[in-house]
Amino acid sequence: MYFTYTINVADPSTAYHSLVALVAEDNRQYDIILSNIVMTSDRMVKVDFSTPFHEDTFRIITRLNPYSSSLSLFSCFNPFTWDVWVAIFAVIIYSSIIIYVFEHQYRNIENNQSELKTIFIGM
């Protein structure tokens, strides 16, 4: 990652409703804003909001990408490359196997479960 960045905190007197304009304007002051701003249709025309994976009011706001594709069924995978998703999946599988190796003797004594079910529960 060959770039430099600065983290600026907005002035406390900045109006809450003007945060979108600080990103959307041509002479923008910020490239990205982290805030609990509410998504409205008017704001969605001006800026791009992060896709929520958990219902909360905290949002990441970025400039609109004119070259981005429309939403699809697999849009939730856009934040990372496929290599990263494979690595995440591999870590989940690896962790579940490690948990199984260390815990299966105790779990099988308590509950007479199959080993495959124990691994699946570990994930």
N, C-alpha and C. Protein backbone atom coordinates (compact mmCIF):
# COMPACT_ATOMS: atom_id res chain seq x y z
N MET A 1 0.86 -1.16 0.00
CA MET A 1 0.00 0.00 0.00
C MET A 1 0.90 1.22 0.00
N TYR A 2 1.10 1.78 -1.17
CA TYR A 2 2.02 2.88 -1.34
C TYR A 2 1.27 4.21 -1.40
N PHE A 3 0.76 4.64 -0.27
CA PHE A 3 0.12 5.94 -0.18
C PHE A 3 0.25 6.44 1.25
N THR A 4 0.08 7.74 1.39
CA THR A 4 0.08 8.33 2.72
C THR A 4 -1.32 8.82 3.03
N TYR A 5 -1.62 8.91 4.27
CA TYR A 5 -2.95 9.35 4.68
C TYR A 5 -2.84 10.16 5.95
N THR A 6 -3.88 10.94 6.18
CA THR A 6 -4.00 11.67 7.43
C THR A 6 -5.40 11.42 7.98
N ILE A 7 -5.49 11.37 9.27
CA ILE A 7 -6.78 11.20 9.92
C ILE A 7 -7.14 12.53 10.56
N ASN A 8 -8.23 13.12 10.08
CA ASN A 8 -8.69 14.40 10.60
C ASN A 8 -10.02 14.21 11.30
N VAL A 9 -10.16 14.81 12.43
CA VAL A 9 -11.43 14.80 13.15
C VAL A 9 -12.15 16.09 12.80
N ALA A 10 -13.41 15.97 12.39
CA ALA A 10 -14.18 17.15 12.01
C ALA A 10 -14.34 18.08 13.20
N ASP A 11 -14.43 19.35 12.90
CA ASP A 11 -14.63 20.36 13.92
C ASP A 11 -15.94 20.09 14.66
N PRO A 12 -15.96 20.18 15.97
CA PRO A 12 -17.20 19.91 16.72
C PRO A 12 -18.37 20.79 16.31
N SER A 13 -18.09 21.94 15.71
CA SER A 13 -19.19 22.81 15.29
C SER A 13 -19.75 22.43 13.92
N THR A 14 -19.20 21.39 13.29
CA THR A 14 -19.70 20.94 11.99
C THR A 14 -21.11 20.39 12.15
N ALA A 15 -22.01 20.86 11.29
CA ALA A 15 -23.40 20.40 11.35
C ALA A 15 -23.49 18.94 10.91
N TYR A 16 -24.29 18.18 11.61
CA TYR A 16 -24.42 16.75 11.34
C TYR A 16 -24.91 16.49 9.92
N HIS A 17 -25.88 17.28 9.46
CA HIS A 17 -26.45 17.08 8.13
C HIS A 17 -25.50 17.48 7.00
N SER A 18 -24.41 18.18 7.31
CA SER A 18 -23.48 18.60 6.26
C SER A 18 -22.35 17.59 6.04
N LEU A 19 -22.33 16.50 6.78
CA LEU A 19 -21.27 15.50 6.62
C LEU A 19 -21.25 14.91 5.21
N VAL A 20 -22.42 14.63 4.66
CA VAL A 20 -22.48 14.06 3.31
C VAL A 20 -21.90 15.03 2.30
N ALA A 21 -22.17 16.31 2.46
CA ALA A 21 -21.64 17.31 1.53
C ALA A 21 -20.12 17.39 1.61
N LEU A 22 -19.55 17.15 2.77
CA LEU A 22 -18.09 17.19 2.91
C LEU A 22 -17.41 16.10 2.09
N VAL A 23 -18.12 15.02 1.80
CA VAL A 23 -17.57 13.95 0.97
C VAL A 23 -17.98 14.12 -0.49
N ALA A 24 -19.21 14.56 -0.73
CA ALA A 24 -19.77 14.55 -2.08
C ALA A 24 -19.32 15.71 -2.96
N GLU A 25 -18.96 16.84 -2.40
CA GLU A 25 -18.62 18.01 -3.20
C GLU A 25 -17.35 17.78 -4.02
N ASP A 26 -17.23 18.54 -5.12
CA ASP A 26 -16.03 18.44 -5.96
C ASP A 26 -14.79 18.89 -5.21
N ASN A 27 -14.91 19.94 -4.42
CA ASN A 27 -13.78 20.41 -3.62
C ASN A 27 -13.88 19.82 -2.21
N ARG A 28 -14.07 18.51 -2.16
CA ARG A 28 -14.35 17.82 -0.90
C ARG A 28 -13.22 18.00 0.11
N GLN A 29 -13.60 18.00 1.36
CA GLN A 29 -12.64 18.09 2.44
C GLN A 29 -12.21 16.71 2.92
N TYR A 30 -13.07 15.70 2.71
CA TYR A 30 -12.80 14.36 3.22
C TYR A 30 -13.05 13.33 2.12
N ASP A 31 -12.30 12.23 2.16
CA ASP A 31 -12.51 11.12 1.24
C ASP A 31 -13.46 10.08 1.83
N ILE A 32 -13.49 10.00 3.14
CA ILE A 32 -14.32 9.01 3.82
C ILE A 32 -14.73 9.58 5.18
N ILE A 33 -15.92 9.21 5.61
CA ILE A 33 -16.42 9.66 6.91
C ILE A 33 -16.96 8.45 7.65
N LEU A 34 -16.60 8.32 8.92
CA LEU A 34 -17.14 7.28 9.79
C LEU A 34 -18.12 7.95 10.74
N SER A 35 -19.38 7.54 10.66
CA SER A 35 -20.40 8.20 11.46
C SER A 35 -21.60 7.28 11.58
N ASN A 36 -22.48 7.61 12.48
CA ASN A 36 -23.73 6.87 12.62
C ASN A 36 -24.85 7.59 11.88
N ILE A 37 -24.55 8.08 10.70
CA ILE A 37 -25.51 8.84 9.89
C ILE A 37 -26.57 7.91 9.31
N VAL A 38 -27.78 8.40 9.19
CA VAL A 38 -28.90 7.62 8.67
C VAL A 38 -28.88 7.66 7.15
N MET A 39 -29.10 6.50 6.52
CA MET A 39 -29.15 6.44 5.06
C MET A 39 -30.53 6.90 4.60
N THR A 40 -30.56 7.91 3.74
CA THR A 40 -31.81 8.35 3.12
C THR A 40 -31.62 8.26 1.61
N SER A 41 -32.73 8.29 0.87
CA SER A 41 -32.62 8.20 -0.59
C SER A 41 -31.87 9.40 -1.16
N ASP A 42 -32.05 10.57 -0.58
CA ASP A 42 -31.34 11.76 -1.05
C ASP A 42 -29.83 11.62 -0.83
N ARG A 43 -29.44 11.11 0.31
CA ARG A 43 -28.02 10.93 0.61
C ARG A 43 -27.41 9.82 -0.24
N MET A 44 -28.19 8.78 -0.53
CA MET A 44 -27.67 7.67 -1.32
C MET A 44 -27.39 8.07 -2.76
N VAL A 45 -28.04 9.11 -3.25
CA VAL A 45 -27.76 9.62 -4.59
C VAL A 45 -26.42 10.34 -4.61
N LYS A 46 -26.03 10.93 -3.50
CA LYS A 46 -24.82 11.75 -3.43
C LYS A 46 -23.57 10.96 -3.07
N VAL A 47 -23.69 9.97 -2.18
CA VAL A 47 -22.53 9.22 -1.70
C VAL A 47 -22.86 7.73 -1.66
N ASP A 48 -21.84 6.93 -1.46
CA ASP A 48 -21.99 5.49 -1.37
C ASP A 48 -21.85 5.07 0.09
N PHE A 49 -22.81 4.31 0.59
CA PHE A 49 -22.78 3.83 1.96
C PHE A 49 -22.26 2.40 1.99
N SER A 50 -21.67 2.02 3.09
CA SER A 50 -21.23 0.63 3.25
C SER A 50 -22.45 -0.27 3.38
N THR A 51 -22.28 -1.52 2.99
CA THR A 51 -23.36 -2.50 3.12
C THR A 51 -23.37 -3.02 4.55
N PRO A 52 -24.48 -2.86 5.25
CA PRO A 52 -24.49 -3.30 6.65
C PRO A 52 -24.50 -4.82 6.76
N PHE A 53 -23.65 -5.35 7.62
CA PHE A 53 -23.68 -6.77 7.93
C PHE A 53 -24.29 -6.99 9.30
N HIS A 54 -24.54 -5.91 10.01
CA HIS A 54 -25.16 -5.95 11.32
C HIS A 54 -26.01 -4.70 11.42
N GLU A 55 -27.23 -4.84 11.86
CA GLU A 55 -28.10 -3.67 11.95
C GLU A 55 -27.63 -2.75 13.06
N ASP A 56 -27.08 -1.64 12.65
CA ASP A 56 -26.59 -0.63 13.57
C ASP A 56 -26.65 0.69 12.82
N THR A 57 -26.52 1.78 13.53
CA THR A 57 -26.59 3.08 12.85
C THR A 57 -25.23 3.58 12.40
N PHE A 58 -24.16 2.88 12.73
CA PHE A 58 -22.82 3.30 12.34
C PHE A 58 -22.59 2.96 10.87
N ARG A 59 -22.15 3.93 10.07
CA ARG A 59 -21.95 3.75 8.63
C ARG A 59 -20.59 4.26 8.21
N ILE A 60 -20.08 3.72 7.11
CA ILE A 60 -18.89 4.22 6.45
C ILE A 60 -19.35 4.86 5.15
N ILE A 61 -18.97 6.12 4.93
CA ILE A 61 -19.43 6.87 3.76
C ILE A 61 -18.23 7.15 2.87
N THR A 62 -18.35 6.82 1.59
CA THR A 62 -17.28 7.09 0.63
C THR A 62 -17.87 7.77 -0.59
N ARG A 63 -16.98 8.27 -1.45
CA ARG A 63 -17.44 8.85 -2.70
C ARG A 63 -18.06 7.76 -3.57
N LEU A 64 -19.01 8.15 -4.43
CA LEU A 64 -19.59 7.19 -5.36
C LEU A 64 -18.56 6.77 -6.38
N ASN A 65 -18.54 5.51 -6.72
CA ASN A 65 -17.66 5.02 -7.77
C ASN A 65 -18.48 4.90 -9.04
N PRO A 66 -18.22 5.74 -10.06
CA PRO A 66 -19.04 5.69 -11.27
C PRO A 66 -18.86 4.40 -12.05
N TYR A 67 -17.81 3.64 -11.77
CA TYR A 67 -17.54 2.41 -12.50
C TYR A 67 -18.01 1.17 -11.77
N SER A 68 -18.62 1.35 -10.61
CA SER A 68 -19.04 0.18 -9.85
C SER A 68 -20.27 -0.46 -10.49
N SER A 69 -20.37 -1.75 -10.33
CA SER A 69 -21.51 -2.47 -10.89
C SER A 69 -22.70 -2.33 -9.95
N SER A 70 -23.85 -2.69 -10.45
CA SER A 70 -25.05 -2.61 -9.61
C SER A 70 -25.01 -3.72 -8.57
N LEU A 71 -25.92 -3.64 -7.62
CA LEU A 71 -25.97 -4.65 -6.56
C LEU A 71 -26.37 -6.00 -7.13
N SER A 72 -25.79 -7.03 -6.60
CA SER A 72 -26.13 -8.38 -7.01
C SER A 72 -26.26 -9.26 -5.78
N LEU A 73 -26.53 -10.50 -6.02
CA LEU A 73 -26.69 -11.46 -4.93
C LEU A 73 -25.39 -11.61 -4.14
N PHE A 74 -24.24 -11.44 -4.81
CA PHE A 74 -22.95 -11.66 -4.17
C PHE A 74 -22.24 -10.35 -3.82
N SER A 75 -22.97 -9.25 -3.69
CA SER A 75 -22.37 -7.97 -3.33
C SER A 75 -21.72 -7.98 -1.96
N CYS A 76 -22.18 -8.86 -1.09
CA CYS A 76 -21.59 -8.93 0.25
C CYS A 76 -20.14 -9.40 0.21
N PHE A 77 -19.70 -9.99 -0.90
CA PHE A 77 -18.31 -10.45 -1.03
C PHE A 77 -17.39 -9.39 -1.60
N ASN A 78 -17.91 -8.23 -2.00
CA ASN A 78 -17.10 -7.18 -2.63
C ASN A 78 -16.03 -6.56 -1.74
N PRO A 79 -16.19 -6.47 -0.43
CA PRO A 79 -15.16 -5.81 0.37
C PRO A 79 -13.79 -6.47 0.29
N PHE A 80 -13.73 -7.79 0.06
CA PHE A 80 -12.45 -8.49 0.00
C PHE A 80 -12.32 -9.24 -1.32
N THR A 81 -11.08 -9.55 -1.69
CA THR A 81 -10.84 -10.38 -2.87
C THR A 81 -11.16 -11.83 -2.52
N TRP A 82 -11.25 -12.67 -3.56
CA TRP A 82 -11.56 -14.08 -3.32
C TRP A 82 -10.45 -14.75 -2.52
N ASP A 83 -9.20 -14.30 -2.69
CA ASP A 83 -8.10 -14.87 -1.91
C ASP A 83 -8.31 -14.65 -0.42
N VAL A 84 -8.78 -13.47 -0.06
CA VAL A 84 -9.03 -13.17 1.36
C VAL A 84 -10.19 -14.01 1.88
N TRP A 85 -11.26 -14.16 1.09
CA TRP A 85 -12.39 -14.98 1.53
C TRP A 85 -11.96 -16.44 1.71
N VAL A 86 -11.11 -16.95 0.81
CA VAL A 86 -10.63 -18.32 0.96
C VAL A 86 -9.80 -18.45 2.24
N ALA A 87 -8.97 -17.43 2.52
CA ALA A 87 -8.17 -17.45 3.74
C ALA A 87 -9.06 -17.43 4.98
N ILE A 88 -10.10 -16.60 4.97
CA ILE A 88 -11.03 -16.54 6.10
C ILE A 88 -11.71 -17.90 6.31
N PHE A 89 -12.17 -18.48 5.21
CA PHE A 89 -12.82 -19.79 5.29
C PHE A 89 -11.85 -20.85 5.81
N ALA A 90 -10.59 -20.80 5.34
CA ALA A 90 -9.58 -21.76 5.80
C ALA A 90 -9.31 -21.61 7.29
N VAL A 91 -9.27 -20.38 7.79
CA VAL A 91 -9.05 -20.15 9.22
C VAL A 91 -10.22 -20.71 10.03
N ILE A 92 -11.43 -20.55 9.54
CA ILE A 92 -12.60 -21.08 10.24
C ILE A 92 -12.53 -22.60 10.31
N ILE A 93 -12.20 -23.24 9.18
CA ILE A 93 -12.08 -24.70 9.16
C ILE A 93 -10.95 -25.16 10.07
N TYR A 94 -9.79 -24.51 9.97
CA TYR A 94 -8.63 -24.86 10.80
C TYR A 94 -8.97 -24.71 12.29
N SER A 95 -9.62 -23.62 12.64
CA SER A 95 -9.98 -23.39 14.05
C SER A 95 -10.95 -24.45 14.55
N SER A 96 -11.91 -24.82 13.72
CA SER A 96 -12.87 -25.84 14.16
C SER A 96 -12.19 -27.19 14.36
N ILE A 97 -11.21 -27.51 13.52
CA ILE A 97 -10.49 -28.77 13.69
C ILE A 97 -9.65 -28.74 14.96
N ILE A 98 -8.98 -27.62 15.22
CA ILE A 98 -8.18 -27.48 16.44
C ILE A 98 -9.07 -27.60 17.68
N ILE A 99 -10.21 -26.94 17.66
CA ILE A 99 -11.14 -27.05 18.79
C ILE A 99 -11.59 -28.49 18.97
N TYR A 100 -11.87 -29.15 17.86
CA TYR A 100 -12.29 -30.56 17.93
C TYR A 100 -11.20 -31.42 18.55
N VAL A 101 -9.95 -31.23 18.11
CA VAL A 101 -8.84 -32.05 18.60
C VAL A 101 -8.69 -31.91 20.11
N PHE A 102 -8.79 -30.68 20.61
CA PHE A 102 -8.57 -30.46 22.03
C PHE A 102 -9.79 -30.74 22.90
N GLU A 103 -10.98 -30.65 22.32
CA GLU A 103 -12.19 -30.75 23.13
C GLU A 103 -13.01 -32.01 22.90
N HIS A 104 -12.71 -32.80 21.89
CA HIS A 104 -13.61 -33.90 21.55
C HIS A 104 -13.68 -34.98 22.63
N GLN A 105 -12.61 -35.22 23.34
CA GLN A 105 -12.67 -36.26 24.37
C GLN A 105 -13.64 -35.88 25.49
N TYR A 106 -13.70 -34.60 25.83
CA TYR A 106 -14.62 -34.16 26.88
C TYR A 106 -16.05 -34.08 26.36
N ARG A 107 -16.21 -33.61 25.11
CA ARG A 107 -17.55 -33.48 24.54
C ARG A 107 -18.19 -34.84 24.32
N ASN A 108 -17.43 -35.82 23.86
CA ASN A 108 -18.00 -37.14 23.61
C ASN A 108 -18.36 -37.86 24.90
N ILE A 109 -17.65 -37.56 25.99
CA ILE A 109 -18.00 -38.15 27.28
C ILE A 109 -19.32 -37.57 27.77
N GLU A 110 -19.48 -36.24 27.64
CA GLU A 110 -20.70 -35.58 28.12
C GLU A 110 -21.90 -35.90 27.24
N ASN A 111 -21.73 -35.77 25.94
CA ASN A 111 -22.81 -35.99 24.98
C ASN A 111 -22.35 -37.06 24.01
N ASN A 112 -23.08 -38.05 23.84
CA ASN A 112 -22.69 -39.13 22.94
C ASN A 112 -23.01 -38.71 21.50
N GLN A 113 -22.24 -37.75 20.97
CA GLN A 113 -22.48 -37.21 19.63
C GLN A 113 -21.47 -37.78 18.64
N SER A 114 -21.84 -37.71 17.36
CA SER A 114 -20.91 -38.15 16.33
C SER A 114 -19.80 -37.13 16.16
N GLU A 115 -18.66 -37.59 15.65
CA GLU A 115 -17.51 -36.69 15.49
C GLU A 115 -17.78 -35.62 14.44
N LEU A 116 -18.47 -35.97 13.35
CA LEU A 116 -18.79 -35.00 12.31
C LEU A 116 -19.68 -33.89 12.86
N LYS A 117 -20.65 -34.26 13.68
CA LYS A 117 -21.53 -33.27 14.28
C LYS A 117 -20.75 -32.37 15.23
N THR A 118 -19.78 -32.91 15.94
CA THR A 118 -18.95 -32.12 16.85
C THR A 118 -18.12 -31.11 16.08
N ILE A 119 -17.55 -31.51 14.94
CA ILE A 119 -16.77 -30.58 14.12
C ILE A 119 -17.68 -29.48 13.58
N PHE A 120 -18.87 -29.85 13.10
CA PHE A 120 -19.79 -28.87 12.55
C PHE A 120 -20.22 -27.86 13.61
N ILE A 121 -20.47 -28.30 14.81
CA ILE A 121 -20.84 -27.40 15.90
C ILE A 121 -19.68 -26.47 16.24
N GLY A 122 -18.45 -26.96 16.11
CA GLY A 122 -17.27 -26.13 16.36
C GLY A 122 -17.13 -24.98 15.39
N MET A 123 -17.69 -25.13 14.20
CA MET A 123 -17.62 -24.04 13.21
C MET A 123 -18.66 -23.01 13.53
